[in-house]
Amino acid sequence: MSYGFEVKQTGQGYHVAKPGFDLMISREYLQAVDYTELRKIELVMRDLMKE
């Protein structure tokens, strides 16, 4: 599932993008991440939206 994002596999992980949004995620990060860490990312993005 891409949820409207273009997902490309790179040499070290994944590039998730759509117009105005670019995110690089390494395989190591995905293997180590847990729900708490994902929640922190969500909170950072919400704070950025307020600026």
C-alpha atoms as a PDB file:
ATOM      1  CA  MET A   1       0.000   0.000   0.000  1.00  0.00           C
ATOM      2  CA  SER A   2       1.293   3.423  -0.881  1.00  0.00           C
ATOM      3  CA  TYR A   3      -1.512   5.648   0.534  1.00  0.00           C
ATOM      4  CA  GLY A   4      -0.961   8.098  -2.326  1.00  0.00           C
ATOM      5  CA  PHE A   5       2.802   8.209  -1.820  1.00  0.00           C
ATOM      6  CA  GLU A   6       5.383   6.982  -4.293  1.00  0.00           C
ATOM      7  CA  VAL A   7       7.611   4.420  -2.562  1.00  0.00           C
ATOM      8  CA  LYS A   8      10.962   3.561  -4.134  1.00  0.00           C
ATOM      9  CA  GLN A   9      13.485   1.121  -2.770  1.00  0.00           C
ATOM     10  CA  THR A  10      16.988   2.581  -2.544  1.00  0.00           C
ATOM     11  CA  GLY A  11      20.299   0.920  -1.825  1.00  0.00           C
ATOM     12  CA  GLN A  12      19.972   1.425   1.925  1.00  0.00           C
ATOM     13  CA  GLY A  13      16.242   1.733   2.503  1.00  0.00           C
ATOM     14  CA  TYR A  14      13.201   3.464   1.058  1.00  0.00           C
ATOM     15  CA  HIS A  15      12.308   6.844  -0.415  1.00  0.00           C
ATOM     16  CA  VAL A  16       8.693   7.863   0.252  1.00  0.00           C
ATOM     17  CA  ALA A  17       7.484  10.888  -1.699  1.00  0.00           C
ATOM     18  CA  LYS A  18       4.642  12.908  -3.095  1.00  0.00           C
ATOM     19  CA  PRO A  19       4.654  16.537  -4.249  1.00  0.00           C
ATOM     20  CA  GLY A  20       6.073  18.640  -1.419  1.00  0.00           C
ATOM     21  CA  PHE A  21       7.050  15.639   0.718  1.00  0.00           C
ATOM     22  CA  ASP A  22      10.238  13.549   0.755  1.00  0.00           C
ATOM     23  CA  LEU A  23      11.183  10.993   3.390  1.00  0.00           C
ATOM     24  CA  MET A  24      14.137   8.617   3.439  1.00  0.00           C
ATOM     25  CA  ILE A  25      13.961   5.610   5.761  1.00  0.00           C
ATOM     26  CA  SER A  26      16.805   3.142   6.212  1.00  0.00           C
ATOM     27  CA  ARG A  27      16.206  -0.579   6.520  1.00  0.00           C
ATOM     28  CA  GLU A  28      18.030  -0.550   9.861  1.00  0.00           C
ATOM     29  CA  TYR A  29      15.630   2.068  11.207  1.00  0.00           C
ATOM     30  CA  LEU A  30      12.564   0.130  10.057  1.00  0.00           C
ATOM     31  CA  GLN A  31      13.850  -3.025  11.729  1.00  0.00           C
ATOM     32  CA  ALA A  32      14.468  -1.219  15.018  1.00  0.00           C
ATOM     33  CA  VAL A  33      11.503   1.177  15.157  1.00  0.00           C
ATOM     34  CA  ASP A  34       8.605   0.683  17.524  1.00  0.00           C
ATOM     35  CA  TYR A  35       5.231   2.379  17.952  1.00  0.00           C
ATOM     36  CA  THR A  36       6.620   4.944  20.412  1.00  0.00           C
ATOM     37  CA  GLU A  37       9.173   6.120  17.867  1.00  0.00           C
ATOM     38  CA  LEU A  38       6.527   6.378  15.146  1.00  0.00           C
ATOM     39  CA  ARG A  39       4.392   8.441  17.508  1.00  0.00           C
ATOM     40  CA  LYS A  40       7.328  10.826  18.069  1.00  0.00           C
ATOM     41  CA  ILE A  41       7.639  11.322  14.315  1.00  0.00           C
ATOM     42  CA  GLU A  42       3.930  12.109  14.132  1.00  0.00           C
ATOM     43  CA  LEU A  43       4.289  14.694  16.904  1.00  0.00           C
ATOM     44  CA  VAL A  44       7.231  16.354  15.136  1.00  0.00           C
ATOM     45  CA  MET A  45       5.194  16.622  11.946  1.00  0.00           C
ATOM     46  CA  ARG A  46       2.224  18.081  13.820  1.00  0.00           C
ATOM     47  CA  ASP A  47       4.503  20.700  15.401  1.00  0.00           C
ATOM     48  CA  LEU A  48       5.873  21.600  11.971  1.00  0.00           C
ATOM     49  CA  MET A  49       2.328  22.068  10.682  1.00  0.00           C
ATOM     50  CA  LYS A  50       1.725  24.691  13.405  1.00  0.00           C
ATOM     51  CA  GLU A  51       4.674  26.837  12.286  1.00  0.00           C
END
